[in-house]
Amino acid sequence: DKLFSAQEPKRIGIYGPPNAGKTTLANRIARDWTG
């Protein structure tokens, strides 16, 4: 049940205009949860 109920991670795109802080946010999320 666990194997078949497991879902693939959802692909979440970080969008916006240049210099809005997209990569800063992406790094903040990644560092907080993966290091």
PDB file of all heavy atoms in Angstrom:
ATOM      1  N   ASP A   1       0.838  -1.208   0.000  1.00  0.00           N
ATOM      2  CA  ASP A   1       0.000   0.000   0.000  1.00  0.00           C
ATOM      3  C   ASP A   1       0.866   1.248   0.000  1.00  0.00           C
ATOM      4  O   ASP A   1       0.570   2.229  -0.681  1.00  0.00           O
ATOM      5  CB  ASP A   1      -0.925   0.010   1.222  1.00  0.00           C
ATOM      6  CG  ASP A   1      -2.032  -1.024   1.106  1.00  0.00           C
ATOM      7  OD1 ASP A   1      -2.251  -1.514  -0.015  1.00  0.00           O
ATOM      8  OD2 ASP A   1      -2.662  -1.335   2.144  1.00  0.00           O
ATOM      9  N   LYS A   2       1.950   1.211   0.788  1.00  0.00           N
ATOM     10  CA  LYS A   2       2.837   2.361   0.870  1.00  0.00           C
ATOM     11  C   LYS A   2       3.512   2.632  -0.463  1.00  0.00           C
ATOM     12  O   LYS A   2       3.636   3.779  -0.900  1.00  0.00           O
ATOM     13  CB  LYS A   2       3.899   2.126   1.954  1.00  0.00           C
ATOM     14  CG  LYS A   2       4.784   3.337   2.200  1.00  0.00           C
ATOM     15  CD  LYS A   2       5.729   3.088   3.356  1.00  0.00           C
ATOM     16  CE  LYS A   2       6.593   4.317   3.609  1.00  0.00           C
ATOM     17  NZ  LYS A   2       7.520   4.106   4.734  1.00  0.00           N
ATOM     18  N   LEU A   3       3.933   1.567  -1.128  1.00  0.00           N
ATOM     19  CA  LEU A   3       4.609   1.726  -2.415  1.00  0.00           C
ATOM     20  C   LEU A   3       3.681   2.318  -3.463  1.00  0.00           C
ATOM     21  O   LEU A   3       4.066   3.219  -4.216  1.00  0.00           O
ATOM     22  CB  LEU A   3       5.149   0.369  -2.902  1.00  0.00           C
ATOM     23  CG  LEU A   3       6.384  -0.169  -2.185  1.00  0.00           C
ATOM     24  CD1 LEU A   3       6.690  -1.588  -2.664  1.00  0.00           C
ATOM     25  CD2 LEU A   3       7.590   0.727  -2.424  1.00  0.00           C
ATOM     26  N   PHE A   4       2.468   1.820  -3.499  1.00  0.00           N
ATOM     27  CA  PHE A   4       1.556   2.246  -4.556  1.00  0.00           C
ATOM     28  C   PHE A   4       0.869   3.569  -4.235  1.00  0.00           C
ATOM     29  O   PHE A   4       0.360   4.236  -5.129  1.00  0.00           O
ATOM     30  CB  PHE A   4       0.502   1.166  -4.828  1.00  0.00           C
ATOM     31  CG  PHE A   4       1.037   0.027  -5.667  1.00  0.00           C
ATOM     32  CD1 PHE A   4       1.490  -1.131  -5.070  1.00  0.00           C
ATOM     33  CD2 PHE A   4       1.126   0.140  -7.043  1.00  0.00           C
ATOM     34  CE1 PHE A   4       2.000  -2.175  -5.835  1.00  0.00           C
ATOM     35  CE2 PHE A   4       1.636  -0.885  -7.818  1.00  0.00           C
ATOM     36  CZ  PHE A   4       2.079  -2.056  -7.207  1.00  0.00           C
ATOM     37  N   SER A   5       0.859   3.954  -2.943  1.00  0.00           N
ATOM     38  CA  SER A   5       0.226   5.223  -2.591  1.00  0.00           C
ATOM     39  C   SER A   5       1.200   6.390  -2.669  1.00  0.00           C
ATOM     40  O   SER A   5       0.805   7.544  -2.677  1.00  0.00           O
ATOM     41  CB  SER A   5      -0.353   5.145  -1.171  1.00  0.00           C
ATOM     42  OG  SER A   5       0.686   4.965  -0.226  1.00  0.00           O
ATOM     43  N   ALA A   6       2.511   6.062  -2.701  1.00  0.00           N
ATOM     44  CA  ALA A   6       3.515   7.123  -2.755  1.00  0.00           C
ATOM     45  C   ALA A   6       3.392   7.896  -4.066  1.00  0.00           C
ATOM     46  O   ALA A   6       3.289   7.316  -5.138  1.00  0.00           O
ATOM     47  CB  ALA A   6       4.909   6.536  -2.626  1.00  0.00           C
ATOM     48  N   GLN A   7       3.381   9.194  -3.972  1.00  0.00           N
ATOM     49  CA  GLN A   7       3.253  10.029  -5.155  1.00  0.00           C
ATOM     50  C   GLN A   7       4.597  10.637  -5.521  1.00  0.00           C
ATOM     51  O   GLN A   7       5.439  10.869  -4.672  1.00  0.00           O
ATOM     52  CB  GLN A   7       2.231  11.135  -4.907  1.00  0.00           C
ATOM     53  CG  GLN A   7       0.824  10.625  -4.674  1.00  0.00           C
ATOM     54  CD  GLN A   7      -0.151  11.773  -4.462  1.00  0.00           C
ATOM     55  OE1 GLN A   7       0.248  12.916  -4.264  1.00  0.00           O
ATOM     56  NE2 GLN A   7      -1.434  11.469  -4.512  1.00  0.00           N
ATOM     57  N   GLU A   8       4.764  10.892  -6.799  1.00  0.00           N
ATOM     58  CA  GLU A   8       5.964  11.570  -7.250  1.00  0.00           C
ATOM     59  C   GLU A   8       5.949  13.011  -6.720  1.00  0.00           C
ATOM     60  O   GLU A   8       4.885  13.621  -6.612  1.00  0.00           O
ATOM     61  CB  GLU A   8       6.005  11.593  -8.776  1.00  0.00           C
ATOM     62  CG  GLU A   8       6.286  10.242  -9.421  1.00  0.00           C
ATOM     63  CD  GLU A   8       7.693   9.753  -9.145  1.00  0.00           C
ATOM     64  OE1 GLU A   8       8.625  10.573  -9.183  1.00  0.00           O
ATOM     65  OE2 GLU A   8       7.846   8.565  -8.842  1.00  0.00           O
ATOM     66  N   PRO A   9       7.101  13.551  -6.382  1.00  0.00           N
ATOM     67  CA  PRO A   9       7.138  14.946  -5.935  1.00  0.00           C
ATOM     68  C   PRO A   9       6.557  15.865  -7.001  1.00  0.00           C
ATOM     69  O   PRO A   9       6.772  15.667  -8.195  1.00  0.00           O
ATOM     70  CB  PRO A   9       8.641  15.212  -5.740  1.00  0.00           C
ATOM     71  CG  PRO A   9       9.248  13.859  -5.534  1.00  0.00           C
ATOM     72  CD  PRO A   9       8.432  12.921  -6.373  1.00  0.00           C
ATOM     73  N   LYS A  10       5.826  16.865  -6.580  1.00  0.00           N
ATOM     74  CA  LYS A  10       5.260  17.820  -7.521  1.00  0.00           C
ATOM     75  C   LYS A  10       6.315  18.836  -7.923  1.00  0.00           C
ATOM     76  O   LYS A  10       7.079  19.323  -7.090  1.00  0.00           O
ATOM     77  CB  LYS A  10       4.058  18.517  -6.894  1.00  0.00           C
ATOM     78  CG  LYS A  10       2.876  17.588  -6.670  1.00  0.00           C
ATOM     79  CD  LYS A  10       1.683  18.336  -6.131  1.00  0.00           C
ATOM     80  CE  LYS A  10       0.499  17.386  -5.955  1.00  0.00           C
ATOM     81  NZ  LYS A  10      -0.688  18.080  -5.394  1.00  0.00           N
ATOM     82  N   ARG A  11       6.358  19.146  -9.208  1.00  0.00           N
ATOM     83  CA  ARG A  11       7.311  20.124  -9.723  1.00  0.00           C
ATOM     84  C   ARG A  11       6.730  21.529  -9.549  1.00  0.00           C
ATOM     85  O   ARG A  11       5.729  21.868 -10.176  1.00  0.00           O
ATOM     86  CB  ARG A  11       7.625  19.858 -11.190  1.00  0.00           C
ATOM     87  CG  ARG A  11       8.333  18.528 -11.437  1.00  0.00           C
ATOM     88  CD  ARG A  11       8.613  18.325 -12.921  1.00  0.00           C
ATOM     89  NE  ARG A  11       7.380  18.329 -13.703  1.00  0.00           N
ATOM     90  CZ  ARG A  11       6.629  17.254 -13.899  1.00  0.00           C
ATOM     91  NH1 ARG A  11       6.972  16.101 -13.389  1.00  0.00           N
ATOM     92  NH2 ARG A  11       5.526  17.346 -14.627  1.00  0.00           N
ATOM     93  N   ILE A  12       7.352  22.307  -8.688  1.00  0.00           N
ATOM     94  CA  ILE A  12       6.868  23.646  -8.390  1.00  0.00           C
ATOM     95  C   ILE A  12       7.838  24.665  -8.975  1.00  0.00           C
ATOM     96  O   ILE A  12       8.992  24.762  -8.546  1.00  0.00           O
ATOM     97  CB  ILE A  12       6.713  23.870  -6.871  1.00  0.00           C
ATOM     98  CG1 ILE A  12       5.826  22.775  -6.258  1.00  0.00           C
ATOM     99  CG2 ILE A  12       6.157  25.259  -6.598  1.00  0.00           C
ATOM    100  CD1 ILE A  12       4.441  22.674  -6.868  1.00  0.00           C
ATOM    101  N   GLY A  13       7.375  25.405  -9.958  1.00  0.00           N
ATOM    102  CA  GLY A  13       8.208  26.407 -10.609  1.00  0.00           C
ATOM    103  C   GLY A  13       8.200  27.716  -9.841  1.00  0.00           C
ATOM    104  O   GLY A  13       7.140  28.195  -9.432  1.00  0.00           O
ATOM    105  N   ILE A  14       9.386  28.278  -9.621  1.00  0.00           N
ATOM    106  CA  ILE A  14       9.496  29.596  -9.010  1.00  0.00           C
ATOM    107  C   ILE A  14       9.663  30.607 -10.138  1.00  0.00           C
ATOM    108  O   ILE A  14      10.672  30.613 -10.848  1.00  0.00           O
ATOM    109  CB  ILE A  14      10.670  29.662  -8.026  1.00  0.00           C
ATOM    110  CG1 ILE A  14      10.461  28.638  -6.893  1.00  0.00           C
ATOM    111  CG2 ILE A  14      10.813  31.062  -7.446  1.00  0.00           C
ATOM    112  CD1 ILE A  14      11.551  28.645  -5.845  1.00  0.00           C
ATOM    113  N   TYR A  15       8.645  31.441 -10.311  1.00  0.00           N
ATOM    114  CA  TYR A  15       8.586  32.380 -11.437  1.00  0.00           C
ATOM    115  C   TYR A  15       8.545  33.824 -10.945  1.00  0.00           C
ATOM    116  O   TYR A  15       8.283  34.096  -9.777  1.00  0.00           O
ATOM    117  CB  TYR A  15       7.355  32.096 -12.298  1.00  0.00           C
ATOM    118  CG  TYR A  15       7.565  30.971 -13.282  1.00  0.00           C
ATOM    119  CD1 TYR A  15       7.447  29.646 -12.867  1.00  0.00           C
ATOM    120  CD2 TYR A  15       7.909  31.223 -14.603  1.00  0.00           C
ATOM    121  CE1 TYR A  15       7.653  28.603 -13.754  1.00  0.00           C
ATOM    122  CE2 TYR A  15       8.113  30.188 -15.496  1.00  0.00           C
ATOM    123  CZ  TYR A  15       7.996  28.887 -15.071  1.00  0.00           C
ATOM    124  OH  TYR A  15       8.219  27.858 -15.942  1.00  0.00           O
ATOM    125  N   GLY A  16       8.755  34.730 -11.895  1.00  0.00           N
ATOM    126  CA  GLY A  16       8.680  36.148 -11.612  1.00  0.00           C
ATOM    127  C   GLY A  16       9.659  36.918 -12.468  1.00  0.00           C
ATOM    128  O   GLY A  16      10.433  36.334 -13.238  1.00  0.00           O
ATOM    129  N   PRO A  17       9.650  38.234 -12.375  1.00  0.00           N
ATOM    130  CA  PRO A  17      10.560  39.063 -13.166  1.00  0.00           C
ATOM    131  C   PRO A  17      11.988  38.963 -12.652  1.00  0.00           C
ATOM    132  O   PRO A  17      12.225  38.442 -11.554  1.00  0.00           O
ATOM    133  CB  PRO A  17       9.998  40.473 -12.979  1.00  0.00           C
ATOM    134  CG  PRO A  17       9.267  40.415 -11.682  1.00  0.00           C
ATOM    135  CD  PRO A  17       8.726  39.030 -11.560  1.00  0.00           C
ATOM    136  N   PRO A  18      12.954  39.448 -13.421  1.00  0.00           N
ATOM    137  CA  PRO A  18      14.353  39.438 -12.958  1.00  0.00           C
ATOM    138  C   PRO A  18      14.523  40.228 -11.661  1.00  0.00           C
ATOM    139  O   PRO A  18      13.854  41.232 -11.434  1.00  0.00           O
ATOM    140  CB  PRO A  18      15.111  40.113 -14.111  1.00  0.00           C
ATOM    141  CG  PRO A  18      14.238  39.920 -15.309  1.00  0.00           C
ATOM    142  CD  PRO A  18      12.836  39.964 -14.789  1.00  0.00           C
ATOM    143  N   ASN A  19      15.428  39.739 -10.824  1.00  0.00           N
ATOM    144  CA  ASN A  19      15.797  40.427  -9.574  1.00  0.00           C
ATOM    145  C   ASN A  19      14.667  40.532  -8.553  1.00  0.00           C
ATOM    146  O   ASN A  19      14.687  41.411  -7.693  1.00  0.00           O
ATOM    147  CB  ASN A  19      16.360  41.818  -9.855  1.00  0.00           C
ATOM    148  CG  ASN A  19      17.861  41.788 -10.107  1.00  0.00           C
ATOM    149  OD1 ASN A  19      18.420  40.728 -10.410  1.00  0.00           O
ATOM    150  ND2 ASN A  19      18.511  42.919  -9.989  1.00  0.00           N
ATOM    151  N   ALA A  20      13.687  39.643  -8.647  1.00  0.00           N
ATOM    152  CA  ALA A  20      12.612  39.635  -7.649  1.00  0.00           C
ATOM    153  C   ALA A  20      13.011  38.854  -6.400  1.00  0.00           C
ATOM    154  O   ALA A  20      12.352  38.952  -5.365  1.00  0.00           O
ATOM    155  CB  ALA A  20      11.338  39.046  -8.250  1.00  0.00           C
ATOM    156  N   GLY A  21      14.085  38.056  -6.523  1.00  0.00           N
ATOM    157  CA  GLY A  21      14.542  37.256  -5.390  1.00  0.00           C
ATOM    158  C   GLY A  21      14.177  35.790  -5.502  1.00  0.00           C
ATOM    159  O   GLY A  21      14.088  35.080  -4.496  1.00  0.00           O
ATOM    160  N   LYS A  22      13.987  35.303  -6.725  1.00  0.00           N
ATOM    161  CA  LYS A  22      13.574  33.922  -6.936  1.00  0.00           C
ATOM    162  C   LYS A  22      14.636  32.924  -6.446  1.00  0.00           C
ATOM    163  O   LYS A  22      14.317  31.962  -5.752  1.00  0.00           O
ATOM    164  CB  LYS A  22      13.275  33.679  -8.425  1.00  0.00           C
ATOM    165  CG  LYS A  22      12.132  34.530  -8.959  1.00  0.00           C
ATOM    166  CD  LYS A  22      11.846  34.246 -10.422  1.00  0.00           C
ATOM    167  CE  LYS A  22      13.015  34.595 -11.329  1.00  0.00           C
ATOM    168  NZ  LYS A  22      13.400  36.030 -11.244  1.00  0.00           N
ATOM    169  N   THR A  23      15.887  33.150  -6.843  1.00  0.00           N
ATOM    170  CA  THR A  23      16.943  32.226  -6.440  1.00  0.00           C
ATOM    171  C   THR A  23      17.213  32.326  -4.942  1.00  0.00           C
ATOM    172  O   THR A  23      17.497  31.314  -4.288  1.00  0.00           O
ATOM    173  CB  THR A  23      18.235  32.502  -7.232  1.00  0.00           C
ATOM    174  OG1 THR A  23      17.968  32.318  -8.627  1.00  0.00           O
ATOM    175  CG2 THR A  23      19.350  31.545  -6.817  1.00  0.00           C
ATOM    176  N   THR A  24      17.109  33.525  -4.385  1.00  0.00           N
ATOM    177  CA  THR A  24      17.261  33.677  -2.936  1.00  0.00           C
ATOM    178  C   THR A  24      16.214  32.853  -2.207  1.00  0.00           C
ATOM    179  O   THR A  24      16.501  32.181  -1.204  1.00  0.00           O
ATOM    180  CB  THR A  24      17.133  35.162  -2.538  1.00  0.00           C
ATOM    181  OG1 THR A  24      18.119  35.925  -3.246  1.00  0.00           O
ATOM    182  CG2 THR A  24      17.348  35.342  -1.045  1.00  0.00           C
ATOM    183  N   LEU A  25      14.975  32.876  -2.710  1.00  0.00           N
ATOM    184  CA  LEU A  25      13.913  32.066  -2.116  1.00  0.00           C
ATOM    185  C   LEU A  25      14.184  30.585  -2.305  1.00  0.00           C
ATOM    186  O   LEU A  25      14.048  29.790  -1.365  1.00  0.00           O
ATOM    187  CB  LEU A  25      12.563  32.434  -2.722  1.00  0.00           C
ATOM    188  CG  LEU A  25      11.392  31.554  -2.260  1.00  0.00           C
ATOM    189  CD1 LEU A  25      11.124  31.750  -0.780  1.00  0.00           C
ATOM    190  CD2 LEU A  25      10.138  31.851  -3.087  1.00  0.00           C
ATOM    191  N   ALA A  26      14.554  30.193  -3.538  1.00  0.00           N
ATOM    192  CA  ALA A  26      14.832  28.785  -3.811  1.00  0.00           C
ATOM    193  C   ALA A  26      15.939  28.269  -2.885  1.00  0.00           C
ATOM    194  O   ALA A  26      15.846  27.158  -2.338  1.00  0.00           O
ATOM    195  CB  ALA A  26      15.232  28.592  -5.269  1.00  0.00           C
ATOM    196  N   ASN A  27      16.974  29.074  -2.697  1.00  0.00           N
ATOM    197  CA  ASN A  27      18.066  28.673  -1.805  1.00  0.00           C
ATOM    198  C   ASN A  27      17.608  28.606  -0.355  1.00  0.00           C
ATOM    199  O   ASN A  27      18.040  27.726   0.394  1.00  0.00           O
ATOM    200  CB  ASN A  27      19.233  29.653  -1.940  1.00  0.00           C
ATOM    201  CG  ASN A  27      20.034  29.433  -3.205  1.00  0.00           C
ATOM    202  OD1 ASN A  27      19.986  28.376  -3.816  1.00  0.00           O
ATOM    203  ND2 ASN A  27      20.781  30.448  -3.620  1.00  0.00           N
ATOM    204  N   ARG A  28      16.768  29.544   0.053  1.00  0.00           N
ATOM    205  CA  ARG A  28      16.247  29.530   1.420  1.00  0.00           C
ATOM    206  C   ARG A  28      15.465  28.241   1.689  1.00  0.00           C
ATOM    207  O   ARG A  28      15.658  27.578   2.716  1.00  0.00           O
ATOM    208  CB  ARG A  28      15.347  30.751   1.637  1.00  0.00           C
ATOM    209  CG  ARG A  28      14.563  30.776   2.937  1.00  0.00           C
ATOM    210  CD  ARG A  28      15.429  30.982   4.149  1.00  0.00           C
ATOM    211  NE  ARG A  28      16.121  32.256   4.100  1.00  0.00           N
ATOM    212  CZ  ARG A  28      16.948  32.683   5.065  1.00  0.00           C
ATOM    213  NH1 ARG A  28      17.185  31.907   6.112  1.00  0.00           N
ATOM    214  NH2 ARG A  28      17.566  33.851   4.953  1.00  0.00           N
ATOM    215  N   ILE A  29      14.583  27.879   0.762  1.00  0.00           N
ATOM    216  CA  ILE A  29      13.796  26.651   0.925  1.00  0.00           C
ATOM    217  C   ILE A  29      14.699  25.431   0.936  1.00  0.00           C
ATOM    218  O   ILE A  29      14.584  24.552   1.798  1.00  0.00           O
ATOM    219  CB  ILE A  29      12.737  26.534  -0.187  1.00  0.00           C
ATOM    220  CG1 ILE A  29      11.726  27.682  -0.101  1.00  0.00           C
ATOM    221  CG2 ILE A  29      12.018  25.188  -0.106  1.00  0.00           C
ATOM    222  CD1 ILE A  29      10.769  27.751  -1.275  1.00  0.00           C
ATOM    223  N   ALA A  30      15.609  25.367  -0.034  1.00  0.00           N
ATOM    224  CA  ALA A  30      16.487  24.203  -0.151  1.00  0.00           C
ATOM    225  C   ALA A  30      17.383  24.059   1.078  1.00  0.00           C
ATOM    226  O   ALA A  30      17.563  22.948   1.603  1.00  0.00           O
ATOM    227  CB  ALA A  30      17.332  24.307  -1.424  1.00  0.00           C
ATOM    228  N   ARG A  31      17.947  25.158   1.546  1.00  0.00           N
ATOM    229  CA  ARG A  31      18.835  25.091   2.716  1.00  0.00           C
ATOM    230  C   ARG A  31      18.069  24.713   3.977  1.00  0.00           C
ATOM    231  O   ARG A  31      18.562  23.951   4.812  1.00  0.00           O
ATOM    232  CB  ARG A  31      19.542  26.430   2.906  1.00  0.00           C
ATOM    233  CG  ARG A  31      20.626  26.723   1.873  1.00  0.00           C
ATOM    234  CD  ARG A  31      21.467  27.918   2.290  1.00  0.00           C
ATOM    235  NE  ARG A  31      22.507  28.207   1.319  1.00  0.00           N
ATOM    236  CZ  ARG A  31      22.526  29.270   0.534  1.00  0.00           C
ATOM    237  NH1 ARG A  31      21.543  30.153   0.609  1.00  0.00           N
ATOM    238  NH2 ARG A  31      23.515  29.472  -0.301  1.00  0.00           N
ATOM    239  N   ASP A  32      16.868  25.248   4.122  1.00  0.00           N
ATOM    240  CA  ASP A  32      16.074  24.944   5.316  1.00  0.00           C
ATOM    241  C   ASP A  32      15.730  23.466   5.423  1.00  0.00           C
ATOM    242  O   ASP A  32      15.667  22.915   6.523  1.00  0.00           O
ATOM    243  CB  ASP A  32      14.780  25.769   5.319  1.00  0.00           C
ATOM    244  CG  ASP A  32      15.001  27.211   5.765  1.00  0.00           C
ATOM    245  OD1 ASP A  32      16.117  27.532   6.204  1.00  0.00           O
ATOM    246  OD2 ASP A  32      14.040  28.012   5.667  1.00  0.00           O
ATOM    247  N   TRP A  33      15.508  22.821   4.263  1.00  0.00           N
ATOM    248  CA  TRP A  33      14.994  21.459   4.303  1.00  0.00           C
ATOM    249  C   TRP A  33      15.971  20.403   3.803  1.00  0.00           C
ATOM    250  O   TRP A  33      15.743  19.210   4.011  1.00  0.00           O
ATOM    251  CB  TRP A  33      13.686  21.383   3.509  1.00  0.00           C
ATOM    252  CG  TRP A  33      12.632  22.254   4.100  1.00  0.00           C
ATOM    253  CD1 TRP A  33      12.265  23.496   3.685  1.00  0.00           C
ATOM    254  CD2 TRP A  33      11.833  21.986   5.264  1.00  0.00           C
ATOM    255  NE1 TRP A  33      11.290  24.014   4.492  1.00  0.00           N
ATOM    256  CE2 TRP A  33      11.001  23.104   5.476  1.00  0.00           C
ATOM    257  CE3 TRP A  33      11.739  20.893   6.128  1.00  0.00           C
ATOM    258  CZ2 TRP A  33      10.091  23.172   6.527  1.00  0.00           C
ATOM    259  CZ3 TRP A  33      10.833  20.954   7.184  1.00  0.00           C
ATOM    260  CH2 TRP A  33      10.022  22.081   7.376  1.00  0.00           C
ATOM    261  N   THR A  34      17.025  20.810   3.107  1.00  0.00           N
ATOM    262  CA  THR A  34      18.001  19.822   2.623  1.00  0.00           C
ATOM    263  C   THR A  34      19.436  20.169   3.010  1.00  0.00           C
ATOM    264  O   THR A  34      20.315  19.317   2.934  1.00  0.00           O
ATOM    265  CB  THR A  34      17.951  19.670   1.089  1.00  0.00           C
ATOM    266  OG1 THR A  34      18.515  20.836   0.463  1.00  0.00           O
ATOM    267  CG2 THR A  34      16.525  19.469   0.594  1.00  0.00           C
ATOM    268  N   GLY A  35      19.685  21.428   3.357  1.00  0.00           N
ATOM    269  CA  GLY A  35      21.039  21.851   3.687  1.00  0.00           C
ATOM    270  C   GLY A  35      21.856  22.285   2.484  1.00  0.00           C
ATOM    271  O   GLY A  35      22.995  22.748   2.634  1.00  0.00           O
TER     272      GLY A  35
END
